[in-house]
Protein backbone atom coordinates (compact mmCIF):
# COMPACT_ATOMS: atom_id res chain seq x y z
CA MET A 1 -26.01 -20.50 -8.33
CA GLU A 2 -26.07 -16.56 -9.29
CA GLN A 3 -25.41 -14.96 -12.59
CA ILE A 4 -22.34 -13.09 -12.35
CA LYS A 5 -21.88 -10.43 -15.23
CA VAL A 6 -18.35 -11.12 -16.54
CA VAL A 7 -16.18 -9.24 -18.97
CA ALA A 8 -13.32 -12.25 -19.50
CA HIS A 9 -9.84 -10.55 -22.52
CA ASP A 10 -8.35 -12.50 -23.85
CA ARG A 11 -4.64 -12.41 -24.41
CA ALA A 12 -5.06 -11.72 -28.51
CA GLY A 13 -7.28 -8.63 -27.16
CA LYS A 14 -10.26 -9.78 -28.09
CA ILE A 15 -12.90 -8.96 -25.83
CA LEU A 16 -15.97 -11.39 -23.84
CA LYS A 17 -18.78 -10.18 -22.75
CA GLY A 18 -21.36 -12.20 -20.94
CA TYR A 19 -22.90 -13.75 -17.74
CA THR A 20 -21.26 -16.88 -16.06
CA ARG A 21 -22.58 -18.98 -13.00
CA ASP A 22 -19.70 -21.58 -12.75
CA PHE A 23 -16.08 -19.42 -12.00
CA PHE A 24 -14.08 -20.43 -9.43
CA PRO A 25 -10.48 -18.88 -9.86
CA HIS A 26 -9.11 -22.30 -8.63
CA LYS A 27 -10.69 -24.32 -12.45
CA ASP A 28 -9.15 -24.12 -15.14
CA ARG A 29 -12.73 -22.85 -16.67
CA PHE A 30 -16.26 -21.66 -16.96
CA HIS A 31 -18.68 -20.93 -18.99
CA LEU A 32 -20.36 -17.80 -20.47
CA PHE A 33 -23.77 -17.02 -21.30
CA PRO A 34 -24.05 -14.47 -24.17
CA VAL A 35 -25.71 -11.53 -23.24
CA ASP A 36 -28.35 -11.25 -25.24
CA ARG A 37 -29.73 -15.22 -24.27
CA PRO A 38 -28.43 -16.02 -20.57
CA GLU A 39 -30.62 -19.15 -20.49
CA SER A 40 -28.77 -20.35 -23.99
CA GLN A 41 -26.13 -23.00 -24.44
CA GLY A 42 -22.82 -21.68 -22.83
CA THR A 43 -19.44 -21.85 -24.02
CA ALA A 44 -16.35 -22.88 -22.26
CA VAL A 45 -13.69 -20.79 -22.01
CA PHE A 46 -9.89 -21.56 -20.40
CA LEU A 47 -8.41 -19.45 -18.05
CA LYS A 48 -5.24 -19.92 -19.78
CA ASP A 49 -6.05 -17.81 -23.04
CA LEU A 50 -7.45 -14.79 -20.89
CA LYS A 51 -5.79 -11.58 -20.00
CA ALA A 52 -7.74 -11.82 -16.74
CA VAL A 53 -12.15 -11.77 -15.93
CA PHE A 54 -13.93 -8.12 -15.11
CA MET A 55 -16.40 -9.35 -12.56
CA VAL A 56 -18.77 -5.51 -13.96
CA ARG A 57 -21.90 -3.65 -12.40
CA ASP A 58 -23.22 -3.39 -16.05
CA PHE A 59 -21.79 -4.48 -19.54
CA ALA A 60 -21.91 -1.13 -21.68
CA GLY A 61 -19.63 0.93 -18.78
CA ASN A 62 -18.95 4.32 -19.40
CA PRO A 63 -16.25 4.83 -22.56
CA ASP A 64 -15.67 8.54 -21.38
CA TYR A 65 -14.74 7.83 -17.42
CA VAL A 66 -11.61 7.06 -16.18
CA ASP A 67 -10.68 5.01 -13.15
CA ARG A 68 -8.52 6.59 -10.79
CA LYS A 69 -5.19 4.99 -10.61
CA LYS A 70 -4.44 5.79 -6.92
CA TYR A 71 -5.56 6.14 -3.64
CA ALA A 72 -6.43 8.50 -1.90
CA GLU A 73 -4.47 10.03 1.40
CA GLY A 74 -5.30 7.99 4.80
CA GLU A 75 -7.27 5.54 2.38
CA LYS A 76 -6.99 2.04 4.19
CA PRO A 77 -8.54 -0.30 1.96
CA SER A 78 -8.86 -4.41 3.22
CA GLY A 79 -5.77 -5.98 2.28
CA LYS A 80 -2.99 -5.44 0.03
CA LYS A 81 -2.31 -2.40 -2.04
CA MET A 82 -1.01 -3.64 -5.33
CA GLU A 83 -0.17 -2.60 -9.11
CA VAL A 84 -0.49 -5.33 -11.72
CA ILE A 85 0.95 -4.44 -15.21
CA PHE A 86 -0.63 -6.11 -17.63
CA ASN A 87 1.58 -8.01 -20.56
CA ASP A 88 0.39 -5.40 -22.79
CA GLY A 89 0.64 -2.59 -20.43
CA GLU A 90 -2.58 -2.04 -19.28
CA VAL A 91 -1.97 -1.19 -15.33
CA LEU A 92 -4.63 -2.23 -12.64
CA VAL A 93 -4.37 -0.37 -9.14
CA GLY A 94 -6.35 -1.92 -5.88
CA SER A 95 -6.14 -4.07 -2.93
CA THR A 96 -5.48 -8.08 -3.12
CA LEU A 97 -6.51 -10.34 -0.15
CA GLY A 98 -4.93 -13.40 -1.98
CA TYR A 99 -1.85 -12.93 -4.30
CA ASP A 100 0.01 -15.85 -4.10
CA ARG A 101 2.16 -16.29 -6.90
CA SER A 102 2.27 -20.43 -6.49
CA ARG A 103 -1.31 -19.73 -8.06
CA PRO A 104 -2.56 -19.12 -11.34
CA GLY A 105 -4.42 -16.00 -10.46
CA PHE A 106 -5.49 -13.70 -7.72
CA PHE A 107 -8.42 -11.57 -7.14
CA ILE A 108 -7.58 -7.84 -7.40
CA LEU A 109 -10.92 -4.70 -6.27
CA PRO A 110 -10.03 -1.85 -7.96
CA VAL A 111 -9.39 1.34 -6.02
CA ASP A 112 -11.96 3.55 -8.09
CA PRO A 113 -15.36 3.02 -5.88
CA LYS A 114 -17.17 3.93 -8.88
CA SER A 115 -15.48 1.63 -11.23
CA ASN A 116 -18.18 -0.38 -13.52
CA ASN A 117 -15.16 -3.56 -12.41
CA LEU A 118 -16.29 -4.95 -9.15
CA ARG A 119 -13.19 -7.00 -9.12
CA VAL A 120 -10.81 -8.90 -11.50
CA PHE A 121 -9.58 -11.51 -11.57
CA VAL A 122 -5.99 -11.59 -12.80
CA ILE A 123 -4.04 -14.31 -14.72
CA LEU A 124 -0.31 -14.62 -13.75
CA SER A 125 1.05 -15.91 -17.21
CA ALA A 126 -1.27 -12.62 -18.64
CA VAL A 127 0.73 -9.78 -16.14
CA LYS A 128 4.72 -8.45 -16.65
CA LYS A 129 4.57 -7.19 -13.24
CA VAL A 130 2.91 -7.20 -9.83
CA ARG A 131 4.40 -4.76 -6.83
CA GLN A 132 3.61 -4.04 -3.34
CA LEU A 133 1.69 -0.72 -2.57
CA SER A 134 2.72 1.70 0.31
């Protein structure tokens, strides 16, 4: 399986960066391989300890870039437009094809196509509010 660049945010604010080959939304854990040694032994990361898993373009990102939080007039993404407010106050806006409150989480595609985040797996137990946008 292909290695995916991920940045995992835990509920305490710690950020874990690395590669994974075994992230699946229905599993309770995945293995994270260090950025500087992707061929090394992976560390198990449990979804219950996280707020979200960000699949990213690169690990550095652009700290000066501010992601767009609104859809432009007439923009029609695939799926439902959603706003997610995490327990820590962070707001994520995007679209999803798979929001279901009975599951542990769901994928969301960020509204901003220039975002460093390609897609995000949101852990519902770390979310204060989810609302569908019109």
